[in-house]
Protein backbone atom coordinates (compact mmCIF):
# COMPACT_ATOMS: atom_id res chain seq x y z
CA MET A 1 282.80 121.28 -234.50
CA ARG A 2 279.58 119.84 -235.88
CA GLY A 3 277.59 120.02 -232.67
CA PRO A 4 275.65 117.40 -230.66
CA VAL A 5 275.37 113.85 -231.99
CA ALA A 6 271.92 112.35 -232.79
CA TYR A 7 272.05 109.80 -229.95
CA ASP A 8 268.65 108.23 -230.50
CA SER A 9 270.05 106.14 -233.37
CA LEU A 10 273.63 105.73 -232.08
CA ARG A 11 274.50 102.13 -231.39
CA ARG A 12 278.31 101.71 -231.49
CA VAL A 13 280.87 103.95 -229.76
CA CYS A 14 284.65 103.69 -229.51
CA ILE A 15 286.84 105.51 -226.92
CA ARG A 16 290.60 105.73 -227.17
CA ALA A 17 291.78 105.88 -223.57
CA PRO A 18 294.83 107.96 -222.42
CA ASN A 19 298.18 106.22 -222.36
CA TRP A 20 299.37 107.37 -218.89
CA VAL A 21 298.13 105.95 -215.61
CA GLY A 22 297.17 109.30 -214.05
CA ASP A 23 295.41 110.52 -217.21
CA ALA A 24 293.50 107.22 -217.41
CA VAL A 25 292.23 107.74 -213.84
CA MET A 26 291.31 111.36 -214.56
CA ALA A 27 289.42 110.18 -217.64
CA THR A 28 287.05 108.00 -215.60
CA PRO A 29 284.34 110.70 -215.18
CA ALA A 30 284.23 111.08 -219.01
CA LEU A 31 284.07 107.28 -219.46
CA ARG A 32 281.28 107.05 -216.95
CA ALA A 33 279.42 109.93 -218.70
CA VAL A 34 279.41 108.09 -222.03
CA ARG A 35 277.85 104.96 -220.47
CA ALA A 36 275.31 107.00 -218.51
CA HIS A 37 274.19 108.92 -221.58
CA LEU A 38 274.23 105.88 -223.94
CA PRO A 39 272.98 102.97 -221.84
CA GLY A 40 271.92 100.96 -224.94
CA ALA A 41 275.01 101.54 -227.06
CA ARG A 42 277.89 99.09 -227.48
CA VAL A 43 280.92 100.83 -226.05
CA THR A 44 284.42 99.71 -227.02
CA ILE A 45 287.40 100.98 -225.04
CA VAL A 46 290.78 101.03 -226.80
CA VAL A 47 293.49 101.04 -224.16
CA ALA A 48 297.24 100.58 -224.08
CA SER A 49 298.02 97.19 -222.57
CA GLN A 50 300.04 98.62 -219.65
CA VAL A 51 297.14 100.94 -218.68
CA GLU A 52 294.40 98.29 -218.91
CA PRO A 53 294.75 97.28 -215.21
CA VAL A 54 293.87 100.83 -214.20
CA LEU A 55 290.41 100.54 -215.83
CA ARG A 56 289.96 96.78 -215.22
CA ALA A 57 286.58 95.86 -213.65
CA ALA A 58 284.91 99.14 -214.71
CA PRO A 59 281.34 98.44 -215.71
CA TRP A 60 281.15 100.90 -218.55
CA PHE A 61 282.48 98.91 -221.48
CA ASP A 62 281.12 96.07 -223.65
CA GLU A 63 284.37 95.36 -225.49
CA TRP A 64 288.05 95.88 -224.79
CA GLN A 65 290.71 96.32 -227.45
CA LEU A 66 294.18 96.25 -226.00
CA TYR A 67 296.96 98.13 -227.73
CA GLY A 68 300.61 98.28 -226.81
CA PRO A 69 303.20 99.04 -225.83
CA ARG A 70 302.31 102.41 -224.29
CA GLY A 71 300.50 103.43 -227.45
CA ARG A 72 303.74 103.92 -229.32
CA TRP A 73 304.03 103.51 -233.06
CA VAL A 74 304.41 99.76 -233.72
CA PRO A 75 303.11 99.28 -237.30
CA GLY A 76 301.85 95.70 -237.04
CA GLU A 77 300.16 96.27 -233.70
CA PHE A 78 298.77 99.63 -234.79
CA LEU A 79 297.14 98.12 -237.91
CA ARG A 80 295.86 95.10 -236.01
CA CYS A 81 294.07 97.27 -233.50
CA ALA A 82 292.66 99.54 -236.21
CA GLY A 83 291.34 96.49 -238.04
CA ALA A 84 289.68 95.14 -234.90
CA ILE A 85 287.95 98.47 -234.35
CA ARG A 86 286.88 98.60 -237.99
CA ARG A 87 285.01 95.32 -237.58
CA GLY A 88 282.90 96.96 -234.90
CA ARG A 89 281.62 99.61 -237.35
CA CYS A 90 281.72 102.36 -234.77
CA GLU A 91 279.69 105.48 -235.45
CA LEU A 92 281.33 107.73 -232.84
CA GLY A 93 284.91 107.78 -231.63
CA LEU A 94 286.19 109.86 -228.73
CA VAL A 95 289.95 110.35 -229.04
CA LEU A 96 291.15 111.26 -225.51
CA PRO A 97 294.95 111.28 -226.06
CA ASN A 98 296.37 114.28 -227.86
CA SER A 99 298.62 112.28 -230.21
CA PHE A 100 298.52 112.17 -233.98
CA SER A 101 298.62 108.37 -233.98
CA SER A 102 295.47 108.00 -231.81
CA ALA A 103 293.48 110.07 -234.28
CA LEU A 104 294.95 108.18 -237.29
CA MET A 105 293.89 104.89 -235.73
CA MET A 106 290.29 106.04 -235.55
CA LEU A 107 290.45 107.24 -239.18
CA LEU A 108 291.91 103.94 -240.43
CA ALA A 109 289.31 102.08 -238.35
CA GLY A 110 286.53 103.79 -240.33
CA VAL A 111 284.94 105.44 -237.30
CA SER A 112 282.26 107.70 -238.77
CA ARG A 113 282.59 110.64 -236.40
CA ARG A 114 285.95 111.25 -234.72
CA VAL A 115 286.08 113.75 -231.86
CA GLY A 116 289.28 115.02 -230.27
CA TYR A 117 291.33 118.12 -229.51
CA ALA A 118 293.07 119.98 -232.32
CA ARG A 119 296.58 118.97 -231.25
CA ASP A 120 299.66 117.41 -232.77
CA CYS A 121 298.82 118.44 -236.41
CA ARG A 122 295.91 115.99 -236.45
CA THR A 123 292.97 118.28 -237.22
CA PRO A 124 292.50 116.82 -240.75
CA LEU A 125 292.08 113.33 -239.21
CA LEU A 126 289.16 114.36 -237.01
CA THR A 127 285.62 115.21 -238.02
CA ASP A 128 285.29 117.34 -234.82
CA ALA A 129 288.49 119.06 -233.78
CA MET A 130 287.97 120.94 -230.55
CA ALA A 131 290.23 123.88 -229.68
CA ARG A 132 292.33 123.45 -226.58
CA PRO A 133 291.38 125.82 -223.76
CA SER A 134 293.48 129.01 -224.03
CA GLU A 135 293.67 132.61 -222.93
CA SER A 136 295.69 135.59 -224.12
CA GLY A 137 297.20 133.46 -226.89
CA HIS A 138 298.53 130.78 -224.52
CA PHE A 139 297.22 127.31 -223.60
CA ARG A 140 295.35 127.44 -220.24
CA PRO A 141 296.27 124.71 -217.77
CA THR A 142 293.09 122.70 -217.35
CA TYR A 143 292.34 119.97 -214.80
CA MET A 144 292.37 116.86 -216.91
CA VAL A 145 289.08 115.64 -215.51
CA ASP A 146 287.40 118.73 -217.00
CA TYR A 147 289.54 118.52 -220.12
CA TYR A 148 288.00 115.15 -220.96
CA LEU A 149 284.47 116.05 -219.79
CA ASP A 150 284.58 119.15 -222.01
CA LEU A 151 285.30 116.95 -224.97
CA CYS A 152 282.19 114.89 -224.20
CA ASP A 153 280.10 117.99 -223.62
CA ALA A 154 281.07 119.37 -227.01
CA VAL A 155 279.14 116.51 -228.70
CA GLY A 156 276.18 116.56 -226.28
CA ILE A 157 277.31 114.02 -223.62
CA PRO A 158 276.65 115.67 -220.23
CA PRO A 159 278.68 114.88 -217.11
CA ALA A 160 277.59 112.16 -214.71
CA GLY A 161 279.62 113.61 -211.83
CA ARG A 162 283.29 114.74 -211.61
CA GLN A 163 284.52 112.21 -209.11
CA MET A 164 287.19 109.82 -210.35
CA GLU A 165 286.23 106.22 -209.86
CA LEU A 166 288.23 102.93 -209.86
CA PHE A 167 287.03 99.36 -209.38
CA HIS A 168 288.23 96.03 -207.93
CA GLY A 169 286.52 92.92 -206.63
CA ALA A 170 286.32 91.05 -203.36
CA GLU A 171 288.80 88.41 -204.55
CA ASP A 172 291.22 91.18 -205.37
CA LEU A 173 291.01 92.48 -201.81
CA ARG A 174 291.58 88.98 -200.40
CA LEU A 175 294.67 88.51 -202.62
CA THR A 176 295.98 91.97 -201.68
CA ASP A 177 295.54 91.20 -197.99
CA HIS A 178 297.57 88.07 -198.46
CA VAL A 179 300.35 90.02 -200.15
CA LEU A 180 300.34 92.58 -197.38
CA ARG A 181 300.55 89.91 -194.67
CA ARG A 182 303.44 88.29 -196.52
CA GLN A 183 305.28 91.63 -196.31
CA GLY A 184 304.64 91.87 -192.57
CA LEU A 185 301.81 94.41 -192.72
CA GLU A 186 298.81 94.02 -190.41
CA ARG A 187 295.22 94.88 -191.31
CA THR A 188 294.56 96.12 -187.78
CA ARG A 189 297.22 98.87 -187.98
CA GLY A 190 297.17 102.02 -190.02
CA LEU A 191 299.09 101.89 -193.34
CA PHE A 192 300.88 104.90 -194.77
CA LEU A 193 302.13 104.65 -198.38
CA LEU A 194 305.04 106.35 -200.07
CA HIS A 195 305.48 106.55 -203.80
CA PRO A 196 308.90 108.01 -204.77
CA GLY A 197 308.82 107.03 -208.46
CA ALA A 198 307.67 108.98 -211.49
CA GLY A 199 307.35 107.52 -215.00
CA PHE A 200 307.33 110.94 -216.61
CA GLY A 201 310.95 111.55 -215.83
CA PRO A 202 313.51 112.38 -213.11
CA SER A 203 312.37 115.97 -212.80
CA LYS A 204 309.26 114.87 -210.90
CA ARG A 205 311.23 112.86 -208.28
CA TRP A 206 311.87 114.02 -204.75
CA PRO A 207 315.24 112.80 -203.50
CA ALA A 208 315.25 109.33 -201.92
CA GLU A 209 316.90 110.65 -198.73
CA ARG A 210 313.97 113.08 -198.29
CA PHE A 211 311.43 110.24 -198.51
CA ALA A 212 313.62 108.31 -196.05
CA ARG A 213 313.56 111.12 -193.54
CA LEU A 214 309.82 111.63 -194.02
CA ALA A 215 309.28 107.97 -193.19
CA GLU A 216 311.14 108.54 -189.94
CA LEU A 217 309.03 111.56 -189.05
CA LEU A 218 305.80 109.77 -189.83
CA ALA A 219 306.78 106.72 -187.76
CA ASP A 220 307.76 108.93 -184.85
CA HIS A 221 304.55 110.97 -184.95
CA TYR A 222 301.96 108.28 -185.75
CA GLY A 223 303.48 104.87 -185.21
CA SER A 224 301.82 103.64 -188.38
CA GLN A 225 303.06 101.00 -190.78
CA ILE A 226 304.88 102.46 -193.78
CA ALA A 227 305.23 100.87 -197.21
CA ILE A 228 306.65 101.91 -200.56
CA ILE A 229 304.61 101.34 -203.64
CA GLY A 230 305.73 101.33 -207.27
CA GLY A 231 306.53 98.99 -210.11
CA PRO A 232 309.43 96.57 -210.44
CA ALA A 233 311.36 99.20 -212.40
CA GLU A 234 311.25 101.37 -209.19
CA HIS A 235 312.64 98.61 -206.93
CA ASP A 236 316.09 100.25 -206.75
CA THR A 237 314.53 103.56 -205.78
CA ALA A 238 312.65 101.72 -203.00
CA ASN A 239 315.84 100.12 -201.84
CA SER A 240 317.56 103.52 -201.67
CA VAL A 241 314.76 104.95 -199.49
CA ARG A 242 314.78 101.98 -197.15
CA ALA A 243 318.58 101.97 -196.84
CA ALA A 244 318.63 105.66 -195.93
CA SER A 245 315.88 105.44 -193.29
CA ARG A 246 315.91 104.14 -189.73
CA ALA A 247 312.15 103.63 -190.00
CA ARG A 248 310.86 100.17 -190.83
CA ILE A 249 309.55 100.37 -194.38
CA ALA A 250 307.92 97.50 -196.30
CA ASP A 251 308.65 97.24 -200.02
CA LEU A 252 305.56 96.58 -202.19
CA SER A 253 307.33 97.54 -205.45
CA ASP A 254 308.34 94.02 -206.48
CA CYS A 255 305.98 91.58 -204.74
CA GLY A 256 303.18 91.02 -207.29
CA VAL A 257 301.18 94.22 -206.75
CA ASP A 258 300.36 95.33 -210.28
CA LEU A 259 298.36 98.44 -211.20
CA HIS A 260 295.08 96.53 -210.60
CA LEU A 261 295.96 95.24 -207.07
CA LEU A 262 297.48 98.62 -206.35
CA LYS A 263 293.91 99.94 -206.25
CA CYS A 264 293.21 97.57 -203.33
CA VAL A 265 296.46 98.56 -201.53
CA VAL A 266 295.61 102.27 -201.80
CA SER A 267 292.03 101.73 -200.76
CA ARG A 268 293.35 100.02 -197.62
CA SER A 269 295.70 102.89 -196.68
CA LYS A 270 295.23 105.86 -194.37
CA LEU A 271 297.70 108.22 -196.09
CA LEU A 272 299.52 108.49 -199.41
CA VAL A 273 302.58 110.64 -200.05
CA THR A 274 303.55 110.71 -203.66
CA THR A 275 305.20 112.53 -206.48
CA ASP A 276 302.89 113.99 -209.22
CA SER A 277 302.37 110.56 -210.76
CA GLY A 278 299.69 107.95 -211.49
CA PRO A 279 299.26 106.54 -207.98
CA ARG A 280 298.44 110.05 -206.71
CA HIS A 281 295.15 109.87 -208.53
CA TYR A 282 294.44 106.43 -207.09
CA GLY A 283 294.49 108.05 -203.66
CA ILE A 284 292.23 110.90 -204.74
CA ALA A 285 289.81 108.47 -206.39
CA PHE A 286 289.53 106.37 -203.17
CA GLY A 287 289.22 109.37 -200.86
CA VAL A 288 292.54 108.69 -199.13
CA PRO A 289 294.36 111.74 -197.69
CA THR A 290 296.87 112.31 -200.45
CA VAL A 291 299.94 114.57 -200.31
CA CYS A 292 301.69 115.32 -203.57
CA VAL A 293 305.28 116.58 -203.59
CA MET A 294 305.15 118.67 -206.85
CA GLY A 295 307.97 120.36 -208.69
CA PRO A 296 308.18 120.99 -212.48
CA THR A 297 304.55 120.43 -213.35
CA HIS A 298 301.71 122.96 -213.31
CA PRO A 299 299.20 122.12 -210.52
CA GLY A 300 296.34 123.22 -212.75
CA TYR A 301 296.52 120.02 -214.85
CA SER A 302 296.25 117.51 -212.04
CA THR A 303 294.96 119.10 -208.86
CA SER A 304 291.34 118.73 -207.86
CA THR A 305 289.37 120.86 -205.42
CA LEU A 306 288.67 117.85 -203.12
CA PRO A 307 289.58 118.31 -199.46
CA HIS A 308 291.80 115.18 -199.30
CA ASP A 309 293.95 116.29 -202.25
CA HIS A 310 296.97 118.25 -200.91
CA VAL A 311 300.01 119.67 -202.77
CA VAL A 312 303.38 120.77 -201.49
CA ARG A 313 305.22 122.89 -204.00
CA LEU A 314 307.42 126.00 -204.23
CA ASP A 315 307.02 128.89 -206.65
CA VAL A 316 310.44 129.22 -208.35
CA GLU A 317 311.40 131.64 -211.13
CA CYS A 318 312.15 128.78 -213.61
CA GLY A 319 308.96 126.85 -213.05
CA PRO A 320 306.67 125.21 -213.73
CA CYS A 321 308.81 124.11 -216.66
CA GLN A 322 307.05 120.85 -217.63
CA GLU A 323 310.49 119.38 -218.49
CA LYS A 324 311.24 115.66 -217.96
CA GLU A 325 314.75 116.47 -216.82
CA CYS A 326 315.79 119.57 -214.91
CA PRO A 327 318.06 121.83 -216.99
CA SER A 328 319.42 123.59 -213.90
CA ASP A 329 319.57 122.80 -210.19
CA HIS A 330 316.16 121.16 -209.55
CA ARG A 331 315.44 123.70 -206.87
CA CYS A 332 311.64 123.21 -207.20
CA MET A 333 312.08 119.73 -205.60
CA ARG A 334 315.40 120.15 -203.81
CA ASP A 335 314.13 123.01 -201.57
CA ILE A 336 311.06 121.06 -200.34
CA THR A 337 311.93 119.68 -196.94
CA PRO A 338 310.64 116.56 -195.14
CA GLU A 339 309.30 118.82 -192.44
CA MET A 340 307.23 120.78 -194.97
CA VAL A 341 305.72 117.51 -196.27
CA LEU A 342 305.12 116.25 -192.71
CA ALA A 343 303.14 119.42 -192.00
CA ALA A 344 301.00 118.78 -195.09
CA CYS A 345 300.42 115.21 -193.93
CA GLN A 346 299.31 116.40 -190.52
CA ARG A 347 296.84 118.82 -192.11
CA ALA A 348 295.51 116.10 -194.40
CA LEU A 349 295.02 113.65 -191.54
CA SER A 350 293.52 116.26 -189.30
CA LEU A 351 291.00 117.31 -191.93
CA ARG A 352 290.03 113.62 -192.40
CA GLU A 353 289.38 113.25 -188.67
CA GLU A 354 287.35 116.44 -188.58
CA ALA A 355 285.24 115.20 -191.50
CA ARG A 356 284.52 112.00 -189.64
CA THR A 357 283.58 113.74 -186.39
CA PRO A 358 279.72 114.00 -186.16
């Protein structure tokens, strides 16, 4: 590491955003820190096209370079994006993903100083390769908000708060309210959201029949409206949950709610129950009581210390394995019952009411 950057003369900065929805949300404190520390610099965000809606409307960037799909190696698209960045003559590049290709893009783009973690054999591509947090010879699970902020701090960019932050506009809210009404959901009643999907892989998914039973328990206890969120690819999962439940559940997975409008949906909700996936961090960012059903992943990477961020998980001898597909019997998720998750929901909602009581 070469130490802090001379910011008094720095004019052009490039940031390669993470490729996953949840990571992009957890990167927002670092993105905000760059703008707060460099108010006069021209900041370019390079973001995978499918993640751009997550960051859309954020006030921290002067230029957007979209790259897709999902940051994977597509030679023509990769070189096009590198060329576009090169024309900006960036002096500092923050490489937030851990991939080799993200560092290579900054090198080919001619970014003068390239800062990232020493991962994926890419140290020679970076001018500042920061060691990943470790202890006793092993990588230490680090909350991704701090992981990205530490990268900024290494070159002299101090935090501007640790709270995740997402943005939308008044017109987005109006459009969202129209979509919700079209699905039979009323603004005057509380809205509970369920997210049964997980883009990472099937190991993160809680069985559809468990979500179905949880919906029944929530409807019986609270009488609130319940809706499933997710993308069009998760429509079949939504159908499975609805078919297995006697509760009335609206399906928002295939009705025009993209990752941008999803911010509005989540901000309108009173409770979110989700797998350890991107929408979980929407809930945390908006201060919604959020209950995460977690199995194969280590909670240290994604769990905040905020009072509305709740996790239901079991310690099993084979976990946390971080595998996309369970190599055995999936006991880390299978043994979590709807009643256990309901109890976490009750705690989350009770704490919210206590916080609101003067």
